[in-house]
Amino acid sequence: MLNQYNLALFKVHCAAVLFGLTGVLGAIIQSSSEVLVFGRVLIAFVALSLFLLVKSQRIIKLSTKDMLIQAILGTMLISHWITFYIAIKVGGVAVGTLGFASFPAFVALFEVLILKESIKRREIILLMAITLGLALITPKYEFSNQATQGLLWGIFSGAIYGALAIFNRYNAEKLSGTQASWWQYLAGALVLAPYCLTELPKVTAIDWFWIGCLGLLCTSLAYTIFISSLNIIKARTAAMIISLEPVYAILIAWLWLDQVPTIRMIIGGLIILISVAIVNFRR
């Protein structure tokens, strides 16, 4: 029998696997990235609404200003997801996922540029290590190369997520993670609806199945078990485990899709992941 601590660790690893699976499903689903994200955010919104209903939690009413803030954050969230799936579809699971894994560098950069916080030596080392890792991952230094385009989309997705993480830090003072997610999922679904509703009849049954898995398992369930584990283990420990998400994604893509990473890609990925893990450990 697992004790509470080991069970919490197991939950976080399960969450990391499910988060890693999002990239693999993005490669499998044939629908466009916009339709894929619309399905994901809509299913996640419905699932979260049911969760709040079961828990008898009321949705907090927001002022017009706060609703506008949540709408902007929701738009940033879907932009991050869309660019991430474009990266996966264009460059493959390994390239897209490792490009996104650079987001801690953008968090550190935005803390300096936006919040005017002083940069620490370990964060300078992190930026240098991630730059080196990305240089190794880059297949060819040509914009015409498809894999290189995928990497750039992944990095762009990481930049959006880094900015979102900064803004959500201050957003957390007003709303819980669940409440903020509800408003942001709603905003994301409303923004995408005009562009995607006409495309939904074209989505195949198998795509709907995988989109359902994406919304229920890789979003709602993954976030729920991740958050529930934070009552037992430290956030720092959880962050280190979640940083393994690209490893799980690459392994699943290797076994399932036969997408074998190159030696350079593995070395570059290890440099990024180890540097992120070290910084998380020292915080």
Protein backbone atom coordinates (compact mmCIF):
# COMPACT_ATOMS: atom_id res chain seq x y z
CA MET A 1 0.00 0.00 0.00
CA LEU A 2 1.23 3.50 -0.85
CA ASN A 3 1.40 6.07 1.91
CA GLN A 4 0.00 9.58 1.30
CA TYR A 5 3.33 11.06 0.21
CA ASN A 6 4.14 8.28 -2.29
CA LEU A 7 0.58 8.41 -3.61
CA ALA A 8 0.97 12.17 -4.18
CA LEU A 9 4.25 11.56 -6.04
CA PHE A 10 2.51 8.92 -8.18
CA LYS A 11 -0.29 11.41 -8.95
CA VAL A 12 2.17 14.07 -10.11
CA HIS A 13 3.95 11.56 -12.38
CA CYS A 14 0.54 10.56 -13.80
CA ALA A 15 -0.20 14.24 -14.41
CA ALA A 16 3.18 14.65 -16.16
CA VAL A 17 2.41 11.64 -18.40
CA LEU A 18 -1.02 13.06 -19.26
CA PHE A 19 0.47 16.49 -19.97
CA GLY A 20 3.07 14.78 -22.17
CA LEU A 21 0.31 12.89 -23.97
CA THR A 22 -1.22 16.19 -25.17
CA GLY A 23 1.57 16.61 -27.71
CA VAL A 24 1.20 13.05 -28.99
CA LEU A 25 -2.56 13.44 -29.39
CA GLY A 26 -1.94 16.73 -31.19
CA ALA A 27 0.12 14.81 -33.75
CA ILE A 28 -2.57 12.13 -34.14
CA ILE A 29 -5.60 14.42 -34.50
CA GLN A 30 -6.06 15.42 -38.14
CA SER A 31 -8.23 18.49 -37.50
CA SER A 32 -6.65 21.96 -37.52
CA SER A 33 -4.95 23.27 -34.39
CA GLU A 34 -7.74 25.85 -33.93
CA VAL A 35 -10.52 23.22 -34.01
CA LEU A 36 -8.48 20.93 -31.77
CA VAL A 37 -8.03 23.67 -29.16
CA PHE A 38 -11.70 24.70 -29.40
CA GLY A 39 -12.75 21.12 -28.66
CA ARG A 40 -10.24 20.84 -25.84
CA VAL A 41 -11.19 24.10 -24.14
CA LEU A 42 -14.93 23.49 -24.55
CA ILE A 43 -14.76 19.99 -23.04
CA ALA A 44 -12.51 21.24 -20.24
CA PHE A 45 -14.99 24.08 -19.54
CA VAL A 46 -17.96 21.70 -19.32
CA ALA A 47 -16.01 19.25 -17.11
CA LEU A 48 -14.87 22.04 -14.79
CA SER A 49 -18.43 23.42 -14.58
CA LEU A 50 -19.70 19.98 -13.52
CA PHE A 51 -16.88 19.74 -10.96
CA LEU A 52 -17.84 23.10 -9.44
CA LEU A 53 -21.50 22.04 -9.42
CA VAL A 54 -20.73 18.78 -7.60
CA LYS A 55 -18.55 20.65 -5.10
CA SER A 56 -21.32 23.25 -4.64
CA GLN A 57 -18.88 26.04 -5.48
CA ARG A 58 -20.38 29.20 -6.91
CA ILE A 59 -18.74 31.08 -9.74
CA ILE A 60 -17.36 34.35 -8.40
CA LYS A 61 -18.93 37.36 -10.09
CA LEU A 62 -16.38 39.70 -11.61
CA SER A 63 -16.34 43.39 -12.40
CA THR A 64 -16.21 44.46 -16.05
CA LYS A 65 -12.50 45.21 -15.66
CA ASP A 66 -11.74 41.79 -14.13
CA MET A 67 -13.81 40.03 -16.81
CA LEU A 68 -11.76 41.82 -19.46
CA ILE A 69 -8.55 40.67 -17.75
CA GLN A 70 -9.79 37.05 -17.72
CA ALA A 71 -10.79 37.35 -21.38
CA ILE A 72 -7.26 38.51 -22.26
CA LEU A 73 -5.73 35.67 -20.23
CA GLY A 74 -8.11 33.16 -21.84
CA THR A 75 -7.07 34.41 -25.28
CA MET A 76 -3.41 34.04 -24.28
CA LEU A 77 -4.12 30.47 -23.09
CA ILE A 78 -5.69 29.36 -26.38
CA SER A 79 -2.93 31.17 -28.31
CA HIS A 80 -0.37 29.15 -26.34
CA TRP A 81 -2.22 25.90 -27.09
CA ILE A 82 -2.73 26.69 -30.79
CA THR A 83 0.93 27.58 -31.38
CA PHE A 84 1.99 24.48 -29.41
CA TYR A 85 -0.08 22.18 -31.64
CA ILE A 86 1.16 23.94 -34.77
CA ALA A 87 4.69 23.19 -33.51
CA ILE A 88 3.79 19.52 -33.03
CA LYS A 89 2.11 19.17 -36.43
CA VAL A 90 4.90 20.99 -38.29
CA GLY A 91 8.04 19.78 -36.48
CA GLY A 92 7.06 16.59 -34.66
CA VAL A 93 6.44 15.81 -30.99
CA ALA A 94 10.06 15.97 -29.77
CA VAL A 95 10.95 19.26 -31.49
CA GLY A 96 7.68 21.00 -30.58
CA THR A 97 7.70 19.82 -26.97
CA LEU A 98 11.34 20.72 -26.34
CA GLY A 99 10.80 24.13 -27.95
CA PHE A 100 7.97 24.77 -25.51
CA ALA A 101 10.15 23.51 -22.63
CA SER A 102 12.12 26.76 -22.98
CA PHE A 103 9.29 28.66 -21.24
CA PRO A 104 11.14 29.02 -17.87
CA ALA A 105 13.67 31.20 -19.69
CA PHE A 106 10.86 33.51 -20.79
CA VAL A 107 9.45 33.60 -17.26
CA ALA A 108 12.87 34.76 -16.00
CA LEU A 109 13.17 37.26 -18.86
CA PHE A 110 9.68 38.72 -18.36
CA GLU A 111 10.28 39.05 -14.61
CA VAL A 112 13.14 41.40 -15.49
CA LEU A 113 11.48 43.25 -18.39
CA ILE A 114 7.90 43.52 -17.08
CA LEU A 115 8.18 43.29 -13.29
CA LYS A 116 11.57 45.04 -13.12
CA GLU A 117 12.90 42.31 -10.82
CA SER A 118 16.66 41.88 -10.59
CA ILE A 119 17.98 38.87 -12.46
CA LYS A 120 19.84 36.26 -10.41
CA ARG A 121 23.02 34.51 -11.48
CA ARG A 122 21.30 31.12 -11.67
CA GLU A 123 18.70 32.62 -14.03
CA ILE A 124 21.46 33.94 -16.31
CA ILE A 125 22.93 30.43 -16.35
CA LEU A 126 19.43 29.04 -17.08
CA LEU A 127 19.03 31.39 -20.07
CA MET A 128 22.45 30.40 -21.42
CA ALA A 129 21.79 26.67 -20.91
CA ILE A 130 18.40 26.82 -22.63
CA THR A 131 19.91 28.79 -25.54
CA LEU A 132 22.61 26.12 -25.91
CA GLY A 133 20.03 23.34 -25.70
CA LEU A 134 17.84 24.96 -28.36
CA ALA A 135 20.88 25.47 -30.60
CA LEU A 136 21.57 21.72 -30.42
CA ILE A 137 17.93 20.79 -31.02
CA THR A 138 17.66 23.01 -34.11
CA PRO A 139 17.82 20.59 -37.10
CA LYS A 140 19.02 23.20 -39.62
CA TYR A 141 19.61 26.93 -39.34
CA GLU A 142 17.22 27.56 -42.21
CA PHE A 143 13.70 29.00 -41.89
CA SER A 144 12.63 26.87 -44.84
CA ASN A 145 13.30 23.67 -42.87
CA GLN A 146 10.03 22.22 -41.56
CA ALA A 147 11.47 20.93 -38.27
CA THR A 148 13.13 24.30 -37.60
CA GLN A 149 9.77 26.00 -38.18
CA GLY A 150 8.23 23.58 -35.67
CA LEU A 151 10.90 24.46 -33.11
CA LEU A 152 10.25 28.19 -33.57
CA TRP A 153 6.51 27.65 -33.09
CA GLY A 154 7.30 25.69 -29.91
CA ILE A 155 9.52 28.51 -28.61
CA PHE A 156 6.79 31.05 -29.45
CA SER A 157 4.28 28.91 -27.53
CA GLY A 158 6.70 28.87 -24.58
CA ALA A 159 6.99 32.68 -24.73
CA ILE A 160 3.20 33.09 -24.59
CA TYR A 161 2.98 30.62 -21.70
CA GLY A 162 5.78 32.44 -19.87
CA ALA A 163 3.86 35.73 -20.11
CA LEU A 164 0.65 33.96 -19.04
CA ALA A 165 2.41 32.53 -15.97
CA ILE A 166 3.57 36.02 -14.95
CA PHE A 167 0.10 37.56 -15.28
CA ASN A 168 -1.59 34.60 -13.55
CA ARG A 169 0.72 35.08 -10.58
CA TYR A 170 -1.02 38.37 -9.81
CA ASN A 171 -4.38 37.02 -10.92
CA ALA A 172 -4.10 34.39 -8.15
CA GLU A 173 -4.56 37.13 -5.53
CA LYS A 174 -8.18 37.60 -6.70
CA LEU A 175 -9.22 34.16 -7.93
CA SER A 176 -8.43 30.54 -7.07
CA GLY A 177 -6.87 28.41 -9.79
CA THR A 178 -10.20 26.64 -10.43
CA GLN A 179 -12.19 29.87 -10.70
CA ALA A 180 -9.57 31.50 -12.95
CA SER A 181 -9.49 28.41 -15.19
CA TRP A 182 -13.31 28.46 -15.50
CA TRP A 183 -13.35 32.07 -16.68
CA GLN A 184 -10.36 31.58 -19.00
CA TYR A 185 -11.80 28.40 -20.56
CA LEU A 186 -15.09 30.24 -21.14
CA ALA A 187 -13.30 33.19 -22.75
CA GLY A 188 -11.18 30.89 -24.91
CA ALA A 189 -14.23 28.96 -26.15
CA LEU A 190 -16.10 32.19 -26.98
CA VAL A 191 -13.13 33.64 -28.88
CA LEU A 192 -12.70 30.49 -31.01
CA ALA A 193 -16.40 29.73 -31.55
CA PRO A 194 -16.94 32.09 -34.55
CA TYR A 195 -13.97 30.54 -36.37
CA CYS A 196 -14.56 26.89 -35.48
CA LEU A 197 -18.32 26.23 -35.34
CA THR A 198 -18.58 25.89 -39.13
CA GLU A 199 -15.66 23.43 -39.11
CA LEU A 200 -17.10 21.08 -36.46
CA PRO A 201 -19.28 19.02 -38.87
CA LYS A 202 -16.10 18.14 -40.78
CA VAL A 203 -14.42 16.62 -37.70
CA THR A 204 -14.25 12.81 -37.95
CA ALA A 205 -15.51 10.48 -35.23
CA ILE A 206 -11.99 9.30 -34.37
CA ASP A 207 -10.84 12.92 -34.03
CA TRP A 208 -13.74 13.61 -31.64
CA PHE A 209 -12.64 10.60 -29.58
CA TRP A 210 -9.07 11.88 -29.28
CA ILE A 211 -10.23 15.47 -28.65
CA GLY A 212 -12.45 14.07 -25.88
CA CYS A 213 -9.41 12.33 -24.36
CA LEU A 214 -7.50 15.59 -24.64
CA GLY A 215 -10.18 17.59 -22.85
CA LEU A 216 -11.13 15.06 -20.17
CA LEU A 217 -7.90 13.17 -19.44
CA CYS A 218 -5.08 15.52 -20.45
CA THR A 219 -6.71 18.72 -19.21
CA SER A 220 -9.44 18.23 -16.57
CA LEU A 221 -8.11 15.03 -14.93
CA ALA A 222 -4.44 16.01 -15.23
CA TYR A 223 -4.92 19.42 -13.60
CA THR A 224 -7.20 17.95 -10.90
CA ILE A 225 -4.76 15.25 -9.76
CA PHE A 226 -1.83 17.68 -10.02
CA ILE A 227 -3.52 20.28 -7.80
CA SER A 228 -4.72 17.64 -5.31
CA SER A 229 -1.13 16.41 -4.84
CA LEU A 230 0.07 19.88 -3.78
CA ASN A 231 -1.62 19.39 -0.40
CA ILE A 232 0.93 16.65 0.36
CA ILE A 233 4.17 17.47 -1.46
CA LYS A 234 6.06 20.72 -1.96
CA ALA A 235 5.35 22.79 -5.07
CA ARG A 236 9.09 22.67 -5.85
CA THR A 237 9.06 18.85 -5.91
CA ALA A 238 5.94 18.86 -8.08
CA ALA A 239 7.52 21.37 -10.49
CA MET A 240 10.59 19.16 -10.91
CA ILE A 241 8.42 16.15 -11.74
CA ILE A 242 6.25 18.14 -14.16
CA SER A 243 9.44 19.27 -15.92
CA LEU A 244 9.72 15.62 -17.07
CA GLU A 245 6.68 16.19 -19.32
CA PRO A 246 8.82 16.45 -22.51
CA VAL A 247 10.59 13.19 -21.60
CA TYR A 248 7.28 11.35 -21.30
CA ALA A 249 6.02 12.99 -24.53
CA ILE A 250 9.11 11.93 -26.49
CA LEU A 251 8.99 8.37 -25.09
CA ILE A 252 5.29 7.99 -25.95
CA ALA A 253 5.87 9.41 -29.46
CA TRP A 254 8.83 7.05 -29.91
CA LEU A 255 6.82 3.97 -28.90
CA TRP A 256 3.47 4.95 -30.44
CA LEU A 257 4.31 7.05 -33.51
CA ASP A 258 7.85 5.77 -34.21
CA GLN A 259 9.21 9.34 -33.99
CA VAL A 260 12.81 8.61 -32.99
CA PRO A 261 14.74 11.63 -31.60
CA THR A 262 18.26 12.32 -32.88
CA ILE A 263 21.31 12.24 -30.58
CA ARG A 264 21.64 16.05 -30.85
CA MET A 265 18.00 16.42 -29.91
CA ILE A 266 18.45 14.17 -26.86
CA ILE A 267 21.56 16.06 -25.69
CA GLY A 268 19.91 19.46 -26.23
CA GLY A 269 16.77 18.31 -24.45
CA LEU A 270 18.77 17.00 -21.49
CA ILE A 271 20.61 20.33 -21.16
CA ILE A 272 17.27 22.20 -21.06
CA LEU A 273 15.54 19.80 -18.67
CA ILE A 274 18.47 19.44 -16.26
CA SER A 275 19.03 23.22 -16.09
CA VAL A 276 15.30 23.80 -15.41
CA ALA A 277 15.30 21.06 -12.73
CA ILE A 278 18.35 22.56 -10.98
CA VAL A 279 16.80 26.05 -10.89
CA ASN A 280 13.50 24.63 -9.57
CA PHE A 281 15.38 22.68 -6.90
CA ARG A 282 17.26 25.74 -5.64
CA ARG A 283 14.21 28.01 -5.43
